[in-house]
Protein backbone atom coordinates (compact mmCIF):
# COMPACT_ATOMS: atom_id res chain seq x y z
CA UNK A 1 130.74 117.84 164.36
CA UNK A 2 131.08 117.43 160.59
CA UNK A 3 133.79 119.21 158.64
CA UNK A 4 132.57 122.51 157.23
CA UNK A 5 132.38 122.86 153.43
CA UNK A 6 133.53 126.49 153.76
CA UNK A 7 136.80 127.13 155.61
CA UNK A 8 135.79 130.50 157.12
CA UNK A 9 132.24 129.46 158.22
CA UNK A 10 131.38 126.88 160.92
CA UNK A 11 129.38 123.72 160.23
CA UNK A 12 128.34 124.46 156.63
CA UNK A 13 127.13 121.25 155.00
CA UNK A 14 125.57 122.59 151.79
CA UNK A 15 126.68 125.24 149.31
CA UNK A 16 124.43 126.55 146.52
CA UNK A 17 125.58 128.93 143.79
CA UNK A 18 123.19 131.87 143.70
CA UNK A 19 124.88 133.80 140.90
CA UNK A 20 127.29 132.17 138.48
CA UNK A 21 129.67 133.83 136.07
CA UNK A 22 127.22 133.54 133.11
CA UNK A 23 124.10 134.04 135.21
CA UNK A 24 121.85 137.09 135.37
CA UNK A 25 119.57 138.79 137.87
CA UNK A 26 116.94 139.46 139.12
CA UNK A 27 116.19 135.83 139.93
CA UNK A 28 114.42 133.73 142.54
CA UNK A 29 115.73 130.47 143.97
CA UNK A 30 114.05 127.91 146.20
CA UNK A 31 116.63 125.96 148.17
CA UNK A 32 115.82 122.77 150.07
CA UNK A 33 117.73 122.14 153.30
CA UNK A 34 117.64 118.72 154.97
CA UNK A 35 116.96 120.10 158.42
CA UNK A 36 113.81 120.53 160.53
CA UNK A 37 114.71 124.18 161.18
CA UNK A 38 116.80 126.25 163.51
CA UNK A 39 119.64 126.55 161.00
CA UNK A 40 121.60 129.44 159.61
CA UNK A 41 122.08 130.63 156.05
CA UNK A 42 125.11 132.56 154.87
CA UNK A 43 125.60 134.53 151.67
CA UNK A 44 129.26 134.91 150.71
CA UNK A 45 131.57 135.38 147.77
CA UNK A 46 133.20 132.32 146.24
CA UNK A 47 136.44 132.07 148.12
CA UNK A 48 138.00 129.95 145.37
CA UNK A 49 137.46 132.49 142.61
CA UNK A 50 140.72 134.26 141.66
CA UNK A 51 139.12 137.72 141.48
CA UNK A 52 137.70 137.34 145.00
CA UNK A 53 141.05 136.27 146.34
CA UNK A 54 142.80 139.16 144.63
CA UNK A 55 140.47 141.99 145.68
CA UNK A 56 138.76 140.96 148.95
CA UNK A 57 140.34 140.07 152.27
CA UNK A 58 139.10 136.97 154.05
CA UNK A 59 136.94 138.84 156.55
CA UNK A 60 135.01 140.55 153.70
CA UNK A 61 133.80 137.33 152.03
CA UNK A 62 130.52 137.20 153.98
CA UNK A 63 127.67 139.22 152.49
CA UNK A 64 124.81 138.33 154.82
CA UNK A 65 123.55 135.91 157.44
CA UNK A 66 120.00 134.73 158.28
CA UNK A 67 118.65 132.51 161.00
CA UNK A 68 115.74 130.19 160.23
CA UNK A 69 113.34 129.60 163.11
CA UNK A 70 112.30 126.21 164.41
CA UNK A 71 108.93 124.63 163.62
CA UNK A 72 106.37 124.23 166.43
CA UNK A 73 106.73 121.38 168.90
CA UNK A 74 105.53 118.03 167.67
CA UNK A 75 106.28 118.84 164.06
CA UNK A 76 107.41 115.93 161.89
CA UNK A 77 109.14 118.12 159.30
CA UNK A 78 112.48 116.86 158.02
CA UNK A 79 113.37 119.62 155.54
CA UNK A 80 113.10 123.36 155.08
CA UNK A 81 112.54 125.24 151.81
CA UNK A 82 114.04 128.70 151.62
CA UNK A 83 113.27 131.27 148.93
CA UNK A 84 116.24 133.48 148.10
CA UNK A 85 115.74 136.49 145.85
CA UNK A 86 118.47 138.34 144.02
CA UNK A 87 117.14 141.82 143.20
CA UNK A 88 117.90 143.84 140.10
CA UNK A 89 120.12 146.05 142.26
CA UNK A 90 122.26 143.02 143.15
CA UNK A 91 121.06 142.76 146.76
CA UNK A 92 120.47 139.28 148.17
CA UNK A 93 117.34 138.80 150.25
CA UNK A 94 115.73 135.77 151.88
CA UNK A 95 112.01 136.18 151.19
CA UNK A 96 110.61 133.33 153.26
CA UNK A 97 111.20 129.90 154.73
CA UNK A 98 108.79 127.08 155.39
CA UNK A 99 108.81 123.41 156.24
CA UNK A 100 106.64 120.74 154.66
CA UNK A 101 105.02 118.20 156.97
CA UNK A 102 103.58 114.90 155.84
CA UNK A 103 100.69 113.53 157.87
CA UNK A 104 98.03 110.85 157.55
CA UNK A 105 94.28 111.33 157.50
CA UNK A 106 91.37 108.95 157.14
CA UNK A 107 88.99 109.73 154.30
CA UNK A 108 86.07 107.86 152.74
CA UNK A 109 87.25 105.50 150.04
CA UNK A 110 86.82 106.69 146.48
CA UNK A 111 85.05 104.67 143.80
CA UNK A 112 88.34 103.33 142.46
CA UNK A 113 89.40 102.06 145.88
CA UNK A 114 86.00 100.49 146.43
CA UNK A 115 86.18 98.75 143.07
CA UNK A 116 89.57 97.27 143.95
CA UNK A 117 88.25 96.00 147.28
CA UNK A 118 85.10 94.55 145.76
CA UNK A 119 86.86 92.78 142.89
CA UNK A 120 89.34 91.22 145.30
CA UNK A 121 86.59 89.71 147.44
CA UNK A 122 84.08 88.83 144.70
CA UNK A 123 85.13 85.21 144.26
CA UNK A 124 85.10 84.39 147.96
CA UNK A 125 81.79 86.21 148.43
CA UNK A 126 80.13 84.21 145.66
CA UNK A 127 80.98 80.90 147.35
CA UNK A 128 79.29 81.90 150.61
CA UNK A 129 75.54 81.49 151.17
CA UNK A 130 74.05 84.17 153.37
CA UNK A 131 71.61 83.06 155.98
CA UNK A 132 69.39 86.11 155.64
CA UNK A 133 68.89 86.13 151.87
CA UNK A 134 65.13 86.62 152.15
CA UNK A 135 65.34 89.67 154.44
CA UNK A 136 64.23 92.93 152.82
CA UNK A 137 66.98 95.01 151.22
CA UNK A 138 66.06 98.03 153.35
CA UNK A 139 67.71 96.42 156.35
CA UNK A 140 70.99 95.97 154.53
CA UNK A 141 73.17 98.94 155.32
CA UNK A 142 76.64 99.32 153.78
CA UNK A 143 79.22 101.11 155.86
CA UNK A 144 81.48 103.54 154.06
CA UNK A 145 85.06 102.29 154.12
CA UNK A 146 87.75 104.63 155.37
CA UNK A 147 91.17 104.79 153.72
CA UNK A 148 94.36 106.31 155.10
CA UNK A 149 95.91 108.97 152.88
CA UNK A 150 99.08 111.00 153.15
CA UNK A 151 98.83 114.77 152.85
CA UNK A 152 101.23 117.68 153.14
CA UNK A 153 100.93 121.04 154.81
CA UNK A 154 103.12 124.10 154.78
CA UNK A 155 104.41 125.52 158.07
CA UNK A 156 105.83 129.04 157.85
CA UNK A 157 109.11 129.65 159.66
CA UNK A 158 110.63 132.92 160.81
CA UNK A 159 113.60 134.42 158.98
CA UNK A 160 115.74 136.79 161.03
CA UNK A 161 118.74 138.54 159.44
CA UNK A 162 121.93 138.48 161.51
CA UNK A 163 123.97 141.22 159.95
CA UNK A 164 126.16 142.09 162.89
CA UNK A 165 129.04 141.01 160.67
CA UNK A 166 128.64 144.24 158.68
CA UNK A 167 127.67 146.46 161.60
CA UNK A 168 123.84 146.26 161.49
CA UNK A 169 121.91 144.30 164.13
CA UNK A 170 119.01 142.13 162.99
CA UNK A 171 116.25 144.20 164.57
CA UNK A 172 117.46 147.30 162.74
CA UNK A 173 117.46 145.43 159.44
CA UNK A 174 113.86 144.28 160.00
CA UNK A 175 112.87 147.86 160.80
CA UNK A 176 114.54 149.12 157.64
CA UNK A 177 112.78 146.46 155.58
CA UNK A 178 109.41 147.49 157.00
CA UNK A 179 110.10 151.13 156.27
CA UNK A 180 111.21 150.29 152.74
CA UNK A 181 107.97 148.41 152.06
CA UNK A 182 105.94 151.34 153.36
CA UNK A 183 107.86 153.77 151.16
CA UNK A 184 107.34 151.57 148.09
CA UNK A 185 103.61 151.37 148.75
CA UNK A 186 103.42 155.11 149.21
CA UNK A 187 105.26 155.68 145.93
CA UNK A 188 102.90 153.30 144.11
CA UNK A 189 99.88 155.10 145.54
CA UNK A 190 101.23 158.48 144.46
CA UNK A 191 101.94 157.18 140.96
CA UNK A 192 98.51 155.61 140.58
CA UNK A 193 96.80 158.77 141.90
CA UNK A 194 98.69 160.92 139.43
CA UNK A 195 97.80 158.59 136.53
CA UNK A 196 94.10 158.62 137.43
CA UNK A 197 94.12 162.39 137.70
CA UNK A 198 95.62 162.62 134.20
CA UNK A 199 93.10 160.07 132.93
CA UNK A 200 90.19 162.16 134.20
CA UNK A 201 91.54 165.30 132.58
CA UNK A 202 92.25 163.54 129.26
CA UNK A 203 88.83 161.89 129.17
CA UNK A 204 87.09 165.22 129.63
CA UNK A 205 89.12 166.97 126.94
CA UNK A 206 88.77 164.10 124.45
CA UNK A 207 85.10 163.19 124.82
CA UNK A 208 83.36 166.45 125.60
CA UNK A 209 83.62 167.75 122.01
CA UNK A 210 82.69 164.31 120.64
CA UNK A 211 79.42 164.21 122.60
CA UNK A 212 78.57 167.87 122.09
CA UNK A 213 76.46 168.93 119.08
CA UNK A 214 78.31 168.13 115.86
CA UNK A 215 80.51 165.50 117.49
CA UNK A 216 80.78 161.93 116.22
CA UNK A 217 79.00 160.61 119.34
CA UNK A 218 76.23 163.21 119.46
CA UNK A 219 73.64 161.05 117.66
CA UNK A 220 74.38 158.07 119.91
CA UNK A 221 73.33 159.77 123.16
CA UNK A 222 70.02 161.24 124.18
CA UNK A 223 69.65 164.95 124.78
CA UNK A 224 69.50 164.29 128.50
CA UNK A 225 72.69 162.22 128.44
CA UNK A 226 74.44 164.83 126.32
CA UNK A 227 73.54 167.67 128.69
CA UNK A 228 74.49 165.62 131.73
CA UNK A 229 77.89 164.65 130.29
CA UNK A 230 78.79 168.21 129.33
CA UNK A 231 77.71 169.55 132.70
CA UNK A 232 79.72 166.92 134.59
CA UNK A 233 82.75 167.49 132.37
CA UNK A 234 82.72 171.22 133.09
CA UNK A 235 82.20 170.63 136.79
CA UNK A 236 84.98 168.06 137.06
CA UNK A 237 87.38 170.20 135.03
CA UNK A 238 86.92 173.17 137.38
CA UNK A 239 87.29 170.86 140.37
CA UNK A 240 90.55 169.45 138.99
CA UNK A 241 92.19 172.86 138.90
CA UNK A 242 90.89 173.90 142.31
CA UNK A 243 89.97 171.57 145.17
CA UNK A 244 90.78 168.39 143.21
CA UNK A 245 94.41 169.25 142.55
CA UNK A 246 95.53 167.10 145.51
CA UNK A 247 92.55 164.79 145.95
CA UNK A 248 92.67 161.11 146.90
CA UNK A 249 92.77 158.27 144.41
CA UNK A 250 89.16 157.21 145.01
CA UNK A 251 87.89 160.71 144.09
CA UNK A 252 89.50 160.54 140.64
CA UNK A 253 88.40 156.94 140.05
CA UNK A 254 84.76 157.70 140.89
CA UNK A 255 84.57 160.67 138.52
CA UNK A 256 86.16 158.75 135.66
CA UNK A 257 83.70 155.90 136.21
CA UNK A 258 80.68 158.25 136.03
CA UNK A 259 81.85 159.81 132.78
CA UNK A 260 82.70 156.45 131.20
CA UNK A 261 79.17 155.17 131.82
CA UNK A 262 77.98 157.72 129.27
CA UNK A 263 80.95 158.14 126.96
CA UNK A 264 82.09 154.51 126.60
CA UNK A 265 78.52 153.30 126.08
CA UNK A 266 77.96 155.84 123.31
CA UNK A 267 81.21 154.91 121.63
CA UNK A 268 80.31 151.21 121.77
CA UNK A 269 76.96 151.92 120.07
CA UNK A 270 78.75 153.88 117.34
CA UNK A 271 81.28 151.10 116.66
CA UNK A 272 78.57 148.45 116.52
CA UNK A 273 76.42 150.51 114.14
CA UNK A 274 79.35 151.03 111.79
CA UNK A 275 80.54 147.43 111.97
CA UNK A 276 77.21 145.68 111.56
CA UNK A 277 77.06 146.28 107.78
CA UNK A 278 80.46 144.67 107.19
CA UNK A 279 79.61 141.86 109.59
CA UNK A 280 76.40 141.15 107.66
CA UNK A 281 78.26 140.92 104.34
CA UNK A 282 80.76 138.46 105.82
CA UNK A 283 77.88 136.48 107.32
CA UNK A 284 76.06 136.26 103.97
CA UNK A 285 79.24 135.18 102.16
CA UNK A 286 79.92 132.28 104.52
CA UNK A 287 76.30 131.14 104.66
CA UNK A 288 76.00 131.16 100.86
CA UNK A 289 79.12 129.04 100.61
CA UNK A 290 77.68 126.54 103.09
CA UNK A 291 74.36 126.41 101.22
CA UNK A 292 76.07 125.80 97.85
CA UNK A 293 78.21 123.10 99.39
CA UNK A 294 75.12 121.28 100.64
CA UNK A 295 73.34 121.53 97.27
CA UNK A 296 76.38 120.48 95.25
CA UNK A 297 76.82 117.38 97.37
CA UNK A 298 73.42 115.98 96.34
CA UNK A 299 73.89 112.64 94.58
CA UNK A 300 77.60 112.41 95.32
CA UNK A 301 77.41 110.46 98.58
CA UNK A 302 75.42 107.28 98.86
CA UNK A 303 75.18 107.45 102.66
CA UNK A 304 73.84 111.05 102.65
CA UNK A 305 70.28 111.44 101.43
CA UNK A 306 68.99 114.31 99.34
CA UNK A 307 66.49 115.21 102.07
CA UNK A 308 69.30 115.72 104.59
CA UNK A 309 71.26 117.98 102.24
CA UNK A 310 68.24 120.06 101.28
CA UNK A 311 67.36 120.44 104.97
CA UNK A 312 70.90 121.71 105.63
CA UNK A 313 70.61 124.19 102.75
CA UNK A 314 67.27 125.35 104.10
CA UNK A 315 68.90 126.16 107.45
CA UNK A 316 71.29 128.48 105.63
CA UNK A 317 68.42 130.20 103.85
CA UNK A 318 66.54 130.68 107.12
CA UNK A 319 69.65 132.11 108.79
CA UNK A 320 70.15 134.55 105.90
CA UNK A 321 66.57 135.74 106.16
CA UNK A 322 66.93 136.14 109.93
CA UNK A 323 70.11 138.20 109.61
CA UNK A 324 68.65 140.49 106.95
CA UNK A 325 65.51 141.04 109.01
CA UNK A 326 67.30 141.71 112.31
CA UNK A 327 69.92 144.05 110.84
CA UNK A 328 67.28 146.04 108.97
CA UNK A 329 65.22 146.39 112.15
CA UNK A 330 68.33 147.47 114.09
CA UNK A 331 69.33 150.09 111.52
CA UNK A 332 65.84 151.60 111.54
CA UNK A 333 65.79 151.90 115.34
CA UNK A 334 67.12 155.03 117.11
CA UNK A 335 70.89 155.10 117.42
CA UNK A 336 70.57 156.06 121.07
CA UNK A 337 68.97 152.70 121.90
CA UNK A 338 70.91 149.62 122.91
CA UNK A 339 71.82 147.45 119.88
CA UNK A 340 69.46 144.54 119.23
CA UNK A 341 72.06 142.64 117.20
CA UNK A 342 75.83 142.78 117.26
CA UNK A 343 78.78 141.45 115.27
CA UNK A 344 79.22 138.79 117.93
CA UNK A 345 75.62 137.59 117.43
CA UNK A 346 76.20 137.17 113.69
CA UNK A 347 79.48 135.35 114.24
CA UNK A 348 77.93 132.93 116.71
CA UNK A 349 75.01 132.26 114.34
CA UNK A 350 77.41 131.68 111.46
CA UNK A 351 79.46 129.17 113.42
CA UNK A 352 76.33 127.32 114.51
CA UNK A 353 74.76 127.02 111.03
CA UNK A 354 77.94 126.22 109.10
CA UNK A 355 78.82 123.66 111.74
CA UNK A 356 75.49 121.88 111.26
CA UNK A 357 75.97 121.87 107.47
CA UNK A 358 79.47 120.44 107.74
CA UNK A 359 78.19 117.77 110.12
CA UNK A 360 75.94 116.53 107.29
CA UNK A 361 78.18 117.07 104.28
CA UNK A 362 81.37 115.74 105.85
CA UNK A 363 79.77 112.82 107.67
CA UNK A 364 81.93 109.72 107.06
CA UNK A 365 80.42 106.70 105.37
CA UNK A 366 79.47 103.85 107.68
CA UNK A 367 81.88 100.89 107.70
CA UNK A 368 81.10 98.08 105.28
CA UNK A 369 79.60 94.96 106.86
CA UNK A 370 82.03 92.13 107.33
CA UNK A 371 81.65 89.26 104.83
CA UNK A 372 80.65 86.02 106.55
CA UNK A 373 82.46 83.02 105.03
CA UNK A 374 80.27 79.87 104.60
CA UNK A 375 81.25 76.95 106.78
CA UNK A 376 83.08 74.30 104.74
CA UNK A 377 81.59 70.84 104.67
CA UNK A 378 83.53 68.24 106.49
CA UNK A 379 84.94 65.87 103.89
CA UNK A 380 86.70 63.62 106.32
CA UNK A 381 84.66 60.43 107.05
CA UNK A 382 83.66 59.64 110.57
CA UNK A 383 85.71 57.08 112.46
CA UNK A 384 82.93 54.46 112.55
CA UNK A 385 82.47 54.39 108.75
CA UNK A 386 86.10 54.16 107.70
CA UNK A 387 85.78 50.54 106.45
CA UNK A 388 82.57 51.32 104.56
CA UNK A 389 84.25 54.26 102.93
CA UNK A 390 87.17 52.09 101.91
CA UNK A 391 84.92 49.36 100.38
CA UNK A 392 82.53 51.80 98.69
CA UNK A 393 82.48 51.45 94.89
CA UNK A 394 82.07 54.40 92.56
CA UNK A 395 78.64 54.77 90.98
CA UNK A 396 78.16 52.93 87.68
CA UNK A 397 76.94 54.97 84.71
CA UNK A 398 75.54 53.90 81.33
CA UNK A 399 78.72 54.93 79.53
CA UNK A 400 80.86 52.82 81.80
CA UNK A 401 78.55 49.86 81.25
CA UNK A 402 78.83 50.21 77.48
CA UNK A 403 82.59 50.36 77.71
CA UNK A 404 82.62 47.15 79.75
CA UNK A 405 80.47 45.29 77.18
CA UNK A 406 82.74 46.36 74.30
CA UNK A 407 85.78 45.27 76.25
CA UNK A 408 84.19 41.87 76.85
CA UNK A 409 83.42 41.38 73.12
CA UNK A 410 86.91 42.34 72.18
CA UNK A 411 88.23 39.78 74.62
CA UNK A 412 86.19 36.96 73.04
CA UNK A 413 87.52 37.85 69.58
CA UNK A 414 91.08 37.61 70.75
CA UNK A 415 90.54 34.17 72.10
């Protein structure tokens, strides 16, 4: 038996600080324990801290105790990972524990593995002559190679609190935890139901006058849609104050969904109709800039032809004509109809056209061809003609001959 790292707990071989002096909570820790399972976890105050020694007796150091279950038989796990949560209230809770097993499987070799195998055996394969070279290739079947790979899997382990040290048995703690989860879920359901009930009431009060005659959404819905929305709003409002006062969550959600199908759609049509004019102006500004850029670049780049730049400018002109035509057609259509063009359509068209213009205007020049240096003539004589080169006389010119004759005459005069 190894010596315990904590004097008042048996066989403790690892201590992890969950909350330090300058730490904060809530927080979540994942602790790795070198054990296959079947171990215990203790939560306790730091017995070496002076404040703990001054205010707590020795038997009050332990806060909680948990027992980690063992993995199934045949498991090759060597460690356990435990998730410890420190709640905002200061309570310590072990959320879960699991072991990680490593095992081997055989899988078909990937392309990289096959390339390694083939390159290693290429040289030896080239030196061998196959006896059946002339057999048809259909009979040659290649078997898929299998490669062993290591994989990991997670095995969940049980976590049982052992809180007899503070007067609560483990089964009671588990029961309390279950009841606490159920109460939290019930509280969340009540909160969500109340919020959806308020949403239904607010949506009726806000949108009924907007869709009624004289409202800002009246011209964006048909007469049938308008009458239907007002009728449903009145019906749902009366239901809210009578039978729907304590209805279920799904009842509120369904009624809000039905009203939103009319109200949200009408509001979206209104926003698009009001925004499309501003979106068209922004579209025209950017497309005109791109067209001018293409035209002003003519003659400035040797590697970009005038035809390419004029074609890019023409794309801008065609896009401008398309936008003007589509927006005019949309504005003349009934406001109750679905929009035929939106701000998003104009933005996507702008990005596409300006991108094609920039691809032409900002295209880099091709690299200059490398200069090929002429091969220098070999001035060194060949080995077989060395003697001839040594005995070779320089060519005799007419001037040199005249100089030799004058030198000869001068020599005769001196004699």
